[in-house]
Amino acid sequence: MGIFLNFMAPPIFFLVLSFLLIPASTHLQSNEQGYISLLLSDKGIDFAKDVLIKRAVSSMIPLQLPDIEKHVKIPVLGKVHVVLSNITINSVIVASSSVETGETGIVLVASGATADLTMNWRYSYKSWIVVISDSGDASVKVKDMEVGLTVGLKEQDGTLNLSLLDCGCYVKDISIKLDGGASWLYQVVVEAFEGPIGSAVENAISKKIKEGISKLDSRLQSLPKQVSVDHVSAMNVTFTDKPVLSNSSIEIDISGLFMARDKVLIPSYYYKGLRASDSSNCPAKMIGISLHENVFNTAAVVYFNAGYMHWTVDRFPNQSLLNTTTWRFIYPQLYKKYPNDEMNLNISLTSPLVIRIVENDLNATIYLDVTINVLDADEVIPVACVSLVISASCSPHILGNKLAGILKLKNFTVSYNWSNIGDLRMHLLWQVAFAVLETSFLPNVNLRLLKGLPLPFLHGFTIKNAEIHYTKSKMMICSNLALT
C-alpha cells in the first residue's frame, strides 16, 4: 500500500486533487485569482479511486515483511525457537472500496481485501542430550483486511500541501498452511504467529502509507512554477486558493494565464476583476475544466508581442489577384504607374485579438492592417494600406487532450488608411478584402488553432465524450476520462 501512495503521484495531480499547477512570476500579486478551475465530480472521484487502487495493488507486489521469531514453550520438549523469514505479500484482491471528500479532507477505504503470502519457517530445539531442527515453506491467506487513510489538502504560497491526518490497516482473519514439519509445529505456528503475522502486515502497510504521503507532499512542493507551451510562451500554473472539498466534488483553481518566456509582462488589467469561481459542475461527467476568456486573451498578447501576428501573402488561389492588372478598376493609379507588376500583401494585427465568451458562443474581434506592395524590379514598394476590423466566431472542439478551434468570419469593415498614389475605390475593395480573408487570413489562423491548446493535468488519461458549455466569460469542458 506504500507503493500505492507512491504510485498515486501522477494520477492524484490530475484526478484526486483535481490536478495541476503552480506559483507564478514576480509580477503577479499573491492575491491573484484562478482563471482555470478543475472540478472532479463524484463520478470522477470514484473513477480515480478505482484507478489508484488497481495500479497501487499491482505496484506494491511483491511486498517484503520483516522476519518474525519467537521462543515457544512446547509441552514435553520445552522452549523451541521458531523463525518465520522471507515473508512476502504476493497478491492482493480488494473486494470493495469507497472514497469520501469533505472539509476535513479525503478519506479512502479499501474493505474486504484478501492477501496471499508466502514464507519460510524453521525451528530448532536444543537440550543437553539432543538437537532437533527442521525447515520448510508455508502459505498464508489474510482475509477481511481493511485499509484506510485520511489526507488533508491545502494551498500555501501558490503550492499544494498534502498531509496524512490518519491511516490504518486492520487484519481480521488469517489462515496458515505449512508444507512439511511435524504435526505439532502446525498448531504452534497457528497459535503463536497468527497475531504477529497480522501485525506485521498492518505495520508494513501503514508505514508505506506514511512514506508515500511524505514523498507525494515533497513532489507537490517541487512542482515547477510554470509549464512551457512552446519556445514563445508558458502557462502560469500557480495554485491560487485552497482546494474546495465538498461531499460530491473536489475543485482546485490555478492561475492558468499565459506568460512570455522572455519575461515580457502581460498588461495588468488581465489580472483584475475576476469574479469568484462559480460552483457549476458536470454531474453527468467525471471532470469539468473551466477556462476564463483571459486564458485565451493572454495567449494572444504573448504571441502578438513576440511578433507572430503578421505574415505576407504572395500566393493566392486566384494568383491574378496579385498582379496590378487585376487592380486597374480598384486602384487605377496603381495600374498606370506599375502596369502588369506582381504584388504581395502584408497582413499585420495592430493589436492582440480580443476574445469574449458569451452564452453559447465564443467571439473574437481582430484589428489588422493590410499593406499593398508592388514588386517592381526586385524592389518591394508599399503603395497603400487599409485597416480591417473583423468580427469572428470560434467553434472550439476537443482534439485528443487538446482544445482546438475553427475561426469563422461573421462580418468585417474596411477603412482607408493611407495611399502613395491616389485613392482606392473602397466599394470595390471590399470584395478583394473578403477574398483575402476567406482564402488566406482565416486558413492561416485556423492552421494554428487546429494544433490545439493542451488541457492541463491529463497525463496518463484521455478525454472521452467531451461536451463544451458556455457561461458569461467562461467555457466549461465536461468530460469522462479513460486510461491511455
Foldseek 3Di string as FASTA:
>chain_A
DLLLLQVCQQVCQCAVQLHDFAAADDVDDLQFFFQKKKKFFLVRNVVSLVVSVVVSQVRCPWPFFAKDWDFDQDPPQGTKIKIKHRKIWHGKDFPDKDWWWAPQFIKIKTWFMKTKIKIKMKMWGDDPVDIDMDIFIKMKMFTGKMWMWGWHWWDDSQFIAIGTPDIWMATDDMDMDTDDDDPVVRVVCVVPPRVVVRVRVTVSVVVSNRVSRVVSRVVRVPGDQWADPDQFKIFGFGFNGTWHIHRTMIMTGGHLAMATPVRDDDPPVLRDDDDPDDPDFFNVFGMKMKGFQNNVQRVLQRCLVVPNFKDKAQDAPPNCVQFCVVCCVFAVQSCVVPPGFGKMKIKGFPHGWGWWFAFPWIKIKTKIKIWIWTCDPNDTHTFFMKIKIWIWTWDWDDDKQFIAIAIGTDDMDIGGDDGDGDDGPRVVVVVVVVRCCVTPVRVVVNVVRRVGDGDPSQVQKIWDPWDWGTHGRMIMIGTYIDGD
